[in-house]
Amino acid sequence: MSSCKVCHLDSTNHSKKLWVLHQQAQICAFCQVKCENEHSEKLWEMHKLAVEKGQFCPFHKKTEKLYPITIGSARAGIARVCRLNAEPPHDVDFVQIHMSCTECGLYLGSTEEDSADVLDGMCLQCFRTETEQTDIWYDTPHATKKEDVNC
């Protein structure tokens, strides 16, 4: 008697085929990593919400298809594909989907996206303000160890 990862029902309430399907590792649509070990339940929900919000095109008033995209040397992300009224190959527009800060609304960087569950969806600046870490001491870079030099 074990609980399903997807629908949280008992294993006796599933067919064998559905049980196997539900026990497979799920891949996060936002960052393309397997959900099992990398994501907490809260981070999984935050990424899922970002994908759902980003998939809707306000111009066309409908949900669009999503495709993986990598720009330059940045890590892989996802983009909404909007069809434009133009001649091919200029009839497609890729709009990259990002998470935004829950406080200021600015887009989050990759470090902030990975730690969104811990930071409660805030950017580092808003998190520092919220936790009252605004002293000049927090802006000082960490000291580096100098190597011994024999004179």
Protein backbone atom coordinates (compact mmCIF):
# COMPACT_ATOMS: atom_id res chain seq x y z
CA MET A 1 0.00 0.00 0.00
CA SER A 2 1.76 3.09 -1.23
CA SER A 3 0.62 6.52 -2.34
CA CYS A 4 0.80 7.78 -5.91
CA LYS A 5 3.19 10.68 -6.62
CA VAL A 6 0.79 12.33 -9.08
CA CYS A 7 -2.75 11.95 -7.77
CA HIS A 8 -1.96 10.92 -4.15
CA LEU A 9 -4.35 7.95 -4.28
CA ASP A 10 -3.63 4.48 -2.99
CA SER A 11 -1.97 1.99 -5.36
CA THR A 12 -5.07 -0.24 -5.25
CA ASN A 13 -7.08 2.51 -6.99
CA HIS A 14 -4.85 2.37 -10.10
CA SER A 15 -4.58 -0.06 -12.96
CA LYS A 16 -1.08 -1.50 -13.44
CA LYS A 17 -0.52 0.61 -16.55
CA LEU A 18 -1.64 3.85 -14.84
CA TRP A 19 0.47 3.06 -11.76
CA VAL A 20 3.62 2.63 -13.89
CA LEU A 21 2.82 5.84 -15.78
CA HIS A 22 2.34 7.85 -12.58
CA GLN A 23 5.55 6.55 -11.00
CA GLN A 24 7.77 7.71 -13.87
CA ALA A 25 9.97 10.73 -13.24
CA GLN A 26 8.30 13.96 -14.31
CA ILE A 27 10.29 16.68 -16.03
CA CYS A 28 9.73 20.30 -15.06
CA ALA A 29 8.44 22.23 -18.08
CA PHE A 30 10.12 25.43 -16.88
CA CYS A 31 13.71 24.32 -16.33
CA GLN A 32 13.79 20.84 -17.94
CA VAL A 33 15.07 18.95 -14.88
CA LYS A 34 13.54 15.87 -13.32
CA CYS A 35 11.27 16.86 -10.49
CA GLU A 36 12.02 14.03 -8.08
CA ASN A 37 15.30 15.14 -6.51
CA GLU A 38 15.87 18.68 -7.72
CA HIS A 39 12.59 20.40 -6.82
CA SER A 40 10.64 20.82 -3.63
CA GLU A 41 6.86 20.63 -3.91
CA LYS A 42 6.62 24.43 -3.59
CA LEU A 43 9.22 25.05 -6.34
CA TRP A 44 7.44 22.56 -8.61
CA GLU A 45 4.17 24.52 -8.16
CA MET A 46 5.91 27.89 -8.73
CA HIS A 47 7.52 26.68 -11.97
CA LYS A 48 4.22 25.15 -13.11
CA LEU A 49 2.41 28.46 -12.47
CA ALA A 50 5.07 30.42 -14.38
CA VAL A 51 4.63 28.10 -17.37
CA GLU A 52 0.84 28.41 -17.29
CA LYS A 53 0.98 32.21 -17.08
CA GLY A 54 3.68 32.48 -19.75
CA GLN A 55 1.92 30.18 -22.19
CA PHE A 56 -1.00 32.60 -22.61
CA CYS A 57 -0.51 35.17 -25.37
CA PRO A 58 -2.32 38.46 -24.56
CA PHE A 59 -2.10 39.58 -28.20
CA HIS A 60 -3.84 36.49 -29.63
CA LYS A 61 -5.93 35.86 -26.47
CA LYS A 62 -5.09 32.13 -26.42
CA THR A 63 -2.53 29.68 -25.10
CA GLU A 64 0.35 29.04 -27.47
CA LYS A 65 2.75 26.13 -27.95
CA LEU A 66 5.94 26.00 -25.91
CA TYR A 67 9.40 25.11 -27.20
CA PRO A 68 12.79 24.79 -25.48
CA ILE A 69 15.11 27.68 -26.30
CA THR A 70 18.73 28.56 -25.56
CA ILE A 71 19.95 32.08 -26.23
CA GLY A 72 23.72 32.44 -26.49
CA SER A 73 25.55 30.67 -23.69
CA ALA A 74 22.65 30.97 -21.22
CA ARG A 75 21.02 27.86 -19.86
CA ALA A 76 18.05 26.31 -21.62
CA GLY A 77 14.63 27.79 -21.01
CA ILE A 78 11.23 27.76 -22.64
CA ALA A 79 9.55 30.12 -25.06
CA ARG A 80 6.02 30.73 -26.25
CA VAL A 81 5.66 30.59 -30.04
CA CYS A 82 3.45 33.32 -31.49
CA ARG A 83 2.44 33.21 -35.14
CA LEU A 84 2.57 36.58 -36.87
CA ASN A 85 0.86 37.81 -40.02
CA ALA A 86 4.05 37.90 -42.10
CA GLU A 87 5.86 35.96 -44.80
CA PRO A 88 7.88 32.88 -43.71
CA PRO A 89 10.44 32.66 -42.10
CA HIS A 90 9.47 35.91 -40.33
CA ASP A 91 6.03 34.67 -39.28
CA VAL A 92 7.18 33.18 -35.95
CA ASP A 93 8.05 35.07 -32.79
CA PHE A 94 9.65 33.31 -29.80
CA VAL A 95 8.77 34.96 -26.48
CA GLN A 96 10.93 33.62 -23.67
CA ILE A 97 9.11 32.82 -20.42
CA HIS A 98 10.56 34.05 -17.12
CA MET A 99 9.46 34.09 -13.49
CA SER A 100 8.85 37.50 -11.97
CA CYS A 101 9.48 38.72 -8.42
CA THR A 102 6.40 38.60 -6.20
CA GLU A 103 7.28 42.00 -4.68
CA CYS A 104 8.73 44.28 -7.38
CA GLY A 105 7.67 42.41 -10.54
CA LEU A 106 11.14 42.32 -12.13
CA TYR A 107 12.24 39.08 -13.79
CA LEU A 108 14.28 36.65 -11.72
CA GLY A 109 17.76 35.43 -12.62
CA SER A 110 18.67 31.75 -12.80
CA THR A 111 19.93 31.63 -9.20
CA GLU A 112 16.72 33.22 -7.95
CA GLU A 113 14.59 30.83 -10.05
CA ASP A 114 16.40 27.82 -8.60
CA SER A 115 15.86 29.08 -5.05
CA ALA A 116 12.39 30.55 -5.56
CA ASP A 117 10.87 28.27 -2.92
CA VAL A 118 13.36 29.44 -0.29
CA LEU A 119 13.17 33.11 -1.33
CA ASP A 120 9.36 32.88 -1.53
CA GLY A 121 9.40 34.00 -5.18
CA MET A 122 11.30 37.23 -4.47
CA CYS A 123 14.44 38.57 -6.12
CA LEU A 124 17.54 38.78 -3.93
CA GLN A 125 17.17 42.54 -3.46
CA CYS A 126 13.55 42.27 -2.23
CA PHE A 127 14.48 39.30 -0.05
CA ARG A 128 17.27 41.33 1.58
CA THR A 129 14.85 44.21 2.20
CA GLU A 130 12.19 41.85 3.59
CA THR A 131 14.67 40.22 6.00
CA GLU A 132 16.18 43.61 6.90
CA GLN A 133 19.63 42.78 5.50
CA THR A 134 20.08 46.29 4.13
CA ASP A 135 23.28 47.27 5.95
CA ILE A 136 26.31 48.24 3.84
CA TRP A 137 28.08 45.18 5.28
CA TYR A 138 26.00 42.91 3.02
CA ASP A 139 27.23 44.76 -0.09
CA THR A 140 30.90 44.15 0.71
CA PRO A 141 32.35 41.29 -1.36
CA HIS A 142 33.81 38.36 0.52
CA ALA A 143 37.51 38.63 1.39
CA THR A 144 39.81 36.52 -0.71
CA LYS A 145 42.73 34.61 0.70
CA LYS A 146 46.08 35.90 -0.51
CA GLU A 147 48.72 33.36 -1.30
CA ASP A 148 51.89 33.37 0.78
CA VAL A 149 54.68 35.18 -0.97
CA ASN A 150 58.26 34.50 0.12
CA CYS A 151 60.33 37.68 0.09
